[in-house]
Amino acid sequence: MSDNNGGETGAFLAGFILGGLVGAAAAIILAPSSGEETRKQLREKGIELRNRVEETAEEARKRAEEAAHEARHRAEHLADDAKHGAEHLATEARQRAADVEERGRVILEEQKKRLETAVDEGKKAASKVRDDMTRKSKKDDSET
């Protein structure tokens, strides 16, 4: 955007200066007044033209500064938005990781309890079989 304005301002200034020079040349050629009077008018027009060019250049500089300031402001705003977005995503990722870790802990505890229950049931079954075998052995010994 500022490049386009700079190009338009440059073209304007070039046209302005060229127009001033052509006008001055035409004034000299077509001047109905004396040489001294014409030189005085040319000096005045030159000064006027220089003042206009300085004003136009100052306006162009101010516009360029404003455009640069606006661009910096937008860039800072975009950087802040990106930073906040990244912080939000990082926080969300940490929370999800903590949730997954907690779910994993719960599942591990459940599996541990199931395993302990199965081991206890296995011990009880083994103890019952041993008791049954002991009784049967005693019964067989007493019968013989």
Protein backbone atom coordinates (compact mmCIF):
# COMPACT_ATOMS: atom_id res chain seq x y z
CA MET A 1 0.00 0.00 0.00
CA SER A 2 2.75 2.48 0.92
CA ASP A 3 4.74 1.54 -2.20
CA ASN A 4 1.77 2.48 -4.36
CA ASN A 5 1.33 5.82 -2.58
CA GLY A 6 5.05 6.52 -2.93
CA GLY A 7 4.81 5.85 -6.68
CA GLU A 8 1.80 8.12 -7.04
CA THR A 9 3.51 10.87 -5.05
CA GLY A 10 6.69 10.57 -7.10
CA ALA A 11 4.72 10.73 -10.34
CA PHE A 12 2.81 13.72 -9.05
CA LEU A 13 6.01 15.54 -8.07
CA ALA A 14 7.65 14.78 -11.42
CA GLY A 15 4.58 16.05 -13.27
CA PHE A 16 4.37 19.08 -11.05
CA ILE A 17 8.00 20.05 -11.60
CA LEU A 18 7.81 19.36 -15.34
CA GLY A 19 4.64 21.45 -15.58
CA GLY A 20 6.31 24.27 -13.69
CA LEU A 21 9.31 24.25 -16.00
CA VAL A 22 7.14 24.18 -19.13
CA GLY A 23 5.04 27.00 -17.71
CA ALA A 24 8.13 29.05 -16.91
CA ALA A 25 9.53 28.54 -20.41
CA ALA A 26 6.19 29.50 -21.96
CA ALA A 27 6.04 32.58 -19.74
CA ILE A 28 9.48 33.70 -20.91
CA ILE A 29 8.63 33.18 -24.56
CA LEU A 30 5.17 34.69 -24.43
CA ALA A 31 5.83 37.36 -21.81
CA PRO A 32 4.47 40.75 -22.79
CA SER A 33 6.56 42.42 -20.06
CA SER A 34 10.16 43.61 -19.92
CA GLY A 35 13.15 41.34 -19.25
CA GLU A 36 13.67 42.65 -15.72
CA GLU A 37 10.01 42.27 -14.87
CA THR A 38 9.96 38.79 -16.41
CA ARG A 39 13.04 37.76 -14.38
CA LYS A 40 11.37 39.03 -11.22
CA GLN A 41 8.22 37.04 -12.03
CA LEU A 42 10.34 33.96 -12.77
CA ARG A 43 12.13 34.29 -9.42
CA GLU A 44 8.80 34.62 -7.63
CA LYS A 45 7.34 31.67 -9.52
CA GLY A 46 10.49 29.64 -8.81
CA ILE A 47 10.22 30.40 -5.10
CA GLU A 48 6.52 29.58 -5.17
CA LEU A 49 7.24 26.35 -7.04
CA ARG A 50 10.00 25.41 -4.56
CA ASN A 51 7.63 26.06 -1.65
CA ARG A 52 4.94 23.89 -3.23
CA VAL A 53 7.44 21.10 -3.84
CA GLU A 54 8.63 21.31 -0.23
CA GLU A 55 5.04 21.18 1.04
CA THR A 56 4.21 18.24 -1.20
CA ALA A 57 7.39 16.44 -0.13
CA GLU A 58 6.54 17.08 3.53
CA GLU A 59 3.02 15.73 3.04
CA ALA A 60 4.44 12.65 1.30
CA ARG A 61 6.92 12.13 4.15
CA LYS A 62 4.13 12.41 6.73
CA ARG A 63 1.98 9.90 4.82
CA ALA A 64 4.94 7.51 4.60
CA GLU A 65 5.58 7.84 8.34
CA GLU A 66 1.89 7.23 9.09
CA ALA A 67 1.88 4.18 6.82
CA ALA A 68 5.03 2.84 8.51
CA HIS A 69 3.53 3.46 11.95
CA GLU A 70 0.32 1.68 10.95
CA ALA A 71 2.30 -1.24 9.51
CA ARG A 72 4.31 -1.54 12.76
CA HIS A 73 1.11 -1.39 14.79
CA ARG A 74 -0.50 -4.13 12.69
CA ALA A 75 2.62 -6.28 12.87
CA GLU A 76 2.73 -5.93 16.67
CA HIS A 77 -0.95 -6.79 16.90
CA LEU A 78 -0.49 -9.86 14.71
CA ALA A 79 2.54 -10.93 16.75
CA ASP A 80 0.56 -10.56 19.99
CA ASP A 81 -2.31 -12.58 18.53
CA ALA A 82 0.09 -15.31 17.42
CA LYS A 83 1.78 -15.37 20.84
CA HIS A 84 -1.53 -15.65 22.70
CA GLY A 85 -2.72 -18.34 20.29
CA ALA A 86 0.47 -20.35 20.80
CA GLU A 87 0.20 -20.00 24.60
CA HIS A 88 -3.42 -21.17 24.46
CA LEU A 89 -2.50 -24.18 22.32
CA ALA A 90 0.39 -25.08 24.63
CA THR A 91 -1.87 -24.88 27.69
CA GLU A 92 -4.51 -26.99 25.99
CA ALA A 93 -1.90 -29.57 24.94
CA ARG A 94 -0.54 -29.79 28.52
CA GLN A 95 -4.07 -30.25 29.87
CA ARG A 96 -4.85 -32.99 27.36
CA ALA A 97 -1.57 -34.74 28.17
CA ALA A 98 -2.42 -34.61 31.88
CA ASP A 99 -5.89 -36.01 31.14
CA VAL A 100 -4.42 -38.87 29.11
CA GLU A 101 -1.90 -39.59 31.86
CA GLU A 102 -4.66 -39.66 34.48
CA ARG A 103 -6.82 -41.98 32.34
CA GLY A 104 -3.79 -44.24 31.92
CA ARG A 105 -3.28 -44.33 35.70
CA VAL A 106 -6.93 -45.22 36.28
CA ILE A 107 -6.81 -48.02 33.69
CA LEU A 108 -3.56 -49.33 35.20
CA GLU A 109 -5.11 -49.37 38.70
CA GLU A 110 -8.16 -51.24 37.38
CA GLN A 111 -5.96 -53.82 35.66
CA LYS A 112 -3.87 -54.19 38.81
CA LYS A 113 -7.00 -54.85 40.89
CA ARG A 114 -8.26 -57.39 38.35
CA LEU A 115 -4.89 -59.17 38.40
CA GLU A 116 -4.81 -59.21 42.21
CA THR A 117 -8.36 -60.62 42.25
CA ALA A 118 -7.39 -63.32 39.73
CA VAL A 119 -4.29 -64.22 41.77
CA ASP A 120 -6.36 -64.43 44.98
CA GLU A 121 -8.94 -66.63 43.23
CA GLY A 122 -6.11 -68.78 41.86
CA LYS A 123 -4.64 -69.18 45.36
CA LYS A 124 -8.05 -70.09 46.77
CA ALA A 125 -8.60 -72.63 44.02
CA ALA A 126 -5.11 -74.09 44.57
CA SER A 127 -5.69 -74.23 48.33
CA LYS A 128 -9.03 -75.99 47.81
CA VAL A 129 -7.45 -78.50 45.46
CA ARG A 130 -4.65 -79.11 47.97
CA ASP A 131 -7.16 -79.51 50.80
CA ASP A 132 -9.25 -81.86 48.66
CA MET A 133 -6.14 -83.86 47.78
CA THR A 134 -5.08 -84.00 51.41
CA ARG A 135 -8.51 -85.23 52.49
CA LYS A 136 -8.61 -87.78 49.73
CA SER A 137 -5.13 -88.98 50.61
CA LYS A 138 -6.10 -89.34 54.28
CA LYS A 139 -9.26 -91.14 53.30
CA ASP A 140 -7.35 -93.50 51.07
CA ASP A 141 -4.79 -94.13 53.84
CA SER A 142 -7.49 -94.86 56.35
CA GLU A 143 -9.20 -97.30 54.01
CA THR A 144 -6.13 -99.30 53.45
